[in-house]
Amino acid sequence: MNCHKSIDEVYRFLDGELGSVRRSRIEWHLRKCDGCHDAYAFEERLLLLVKRSCSAENTEVPPELFDRLRALIHQETTEGASDE
């Protein structure tokens, strides 16, 4: 598992959408790679913040919000990788 694949799947990992083998590979990579672990930790905190903010108003997080955030983060990680 490389960094690019790990970051691409971190959203599915956080949402519990991965099978056990894929989840294990991501977990292993996150333990070994500080950069990906930092990206994961950021995404996890962001997800919790959004959930907490939305639950305060007893509303669900609109799927469009997640899609937009994922697109922006993917764009940022892609542009950051090309700068290195």
Protein backbone atom coordinates (compact mmCIF):
# COMPACT_ATOMS: atom_id res chain seq x y z
CA MET A 1 0.00 0.00 0.00
CA ASN A 2 1.49 3.32 -1.02
CA CYS A 3 0.72 6.81 0.26
CA HIS A 4 -1.42 7.82 -2.70
CA LYS A 5 -3.71 4.79 -2.35
CA SER A 6 -3.90 5.20 1.42
CA ILE A 7 -4.96 8.83 1.19
CA ASP A 8 -7.47 8.03 -1.55
CA GLU A 9 -9.10 5.44 0.70
CA VAL A 10 -8.91 7.28 4.01
CA TYR A 11 -12.46 8.61 3.55
CA ARG A 12 -13.88 5.14 2.98
CA PHE A 13 -11.80 3.94 5.94
CA LEU A 14 -13.31 6.62 8.20
CA ASP A 15 -16.81 5.87 6.96
CA GLY A 16 -16.38 2.14 7.68
CA GLU A 17 -16.84 1.23 4.01
CA LEU A 18 -13.77 -1.01 3.60
CA GLY A 19 -13.58 -4.75 3.92
CA SER A 20 -11.38 -6.30 6.58
CA VAL A 21 -8.37 -6.89 4.29
CA ARG A 22 -8.38 -3.34 2.88
CA ARG A 23 -8.94 -1.90 6.36
CA SER A 24 -5.97 -3.88 7.73
CA ARG A 25 -3.73 -2.62 4.92
CA ILE A 26 -4.70 0.98 5.61
CA GLU A 27 -4.18 0.54 9.36
CA TRP A 28 -0.73 -0.97 8.76
CA HIS A 29 0.24 1.86 6.42
CA LEU A 30 -0.99 4.51 8.87
CA ARG A 31 1.12 2.99 11.65
CA LYS A 32 4.23 3.09 9.43
CA CYS A 33 3.78 6.43 7.62
CA ASP A 34 3.74 9.62 9.68
CA GLY A 35 2.59 11.78 6.76
CA CYS A 36 -0.43 9.62 6.00
CA HIS A 37 -1.19 9.24 9.69
CA ASP A 38 -1.21 13.03 10.05
CA ALA A 39 -3.58 13.33 7.06
CA TYR A 40 -5.81 10.64 8.56
CA ALA A 41 -5.83 12.35 11.96
CA PHE A 42 -6.83 15.64 10.32
CA GLU A 43 -9.66 13.97 8.39
CA GLU A 44 -10.84 12.17 11.51
CA ARG A 45 -10.96 15.41 13.52
CA LEU A 46 -12.72 17.19 10.66
CA LEU A 47 -15.32 14.44 10.38
CA LEU A 48 -15.97 14.50 14.13
CA LEU A 49 -16.27 18.28 14.10
CA VAL A 50 -18.77 18.23 11.25
CA LYS A 51 -20.79 15.46 12.91
CA ARG A 52 -20.77 17.27 16.23
CA SER A 53 -21.77 20.56 14.65
CA CYS A 54 -24.62 19.00 12.72
CA SER A 55 -25.87 16.90 15.60
CA ALA A 56 -26.14 20.03 17.75
CA GLU A 57 -28.95 21.11 15.45
CA ASN A 58 -30.36 17.57 15.13
CA THR A 59 -29.65 17.53 11.42
CA GLU A 60 -27.69 15.11 9.30
CA VAL A 61 -24.56 16.04 7.43
CA PRO A 62 -25.56 16.53 3.80
CA PRO A 63 -23.75 14.09 1.50
CA GLU A 64 -22.88 17.03 -0.76
CA LEU A 65 -20.79 18.52 2.04
CA PHE A 66 -18.70 15.36 2.33
CA ASP A 67 -18.33 15.20 -1.44
CA ARG A 68 -17.17 18.81 -1.62
CA LEU A 69 -14.75 18.39 1.29
CA ARG A 70 -13.32 15.22 -0.23
CA ALA A 71 -12.83 16.96 -3.57
CA LEU A 72 -11.09 19.92 -1.96
CA ILE A 73 -8.84 17.71 0.16
CA HIS A 74 -8.02 15.50 -2.80
CA GLN A 75 -7.15 18.59 -4.84
CA GLU A 76 -4.95 19.87 -2.02
CA THR A 77 -3.12 16.57 -1.57
CA THR A 78 -2.65 16.18 -5.32
CA GLU A 79 -1.26 19.70 -5.70
CA GLY A 80 0.93 19.24 -2.62
CA ALA A 81 2.35 15.98 -3.99
CA SER A 82 3.23 17.61 -7.32
CA ASP A 83 5.07 20.41 -5.52
CA GLU A 84 7.51 17.96 -3.89
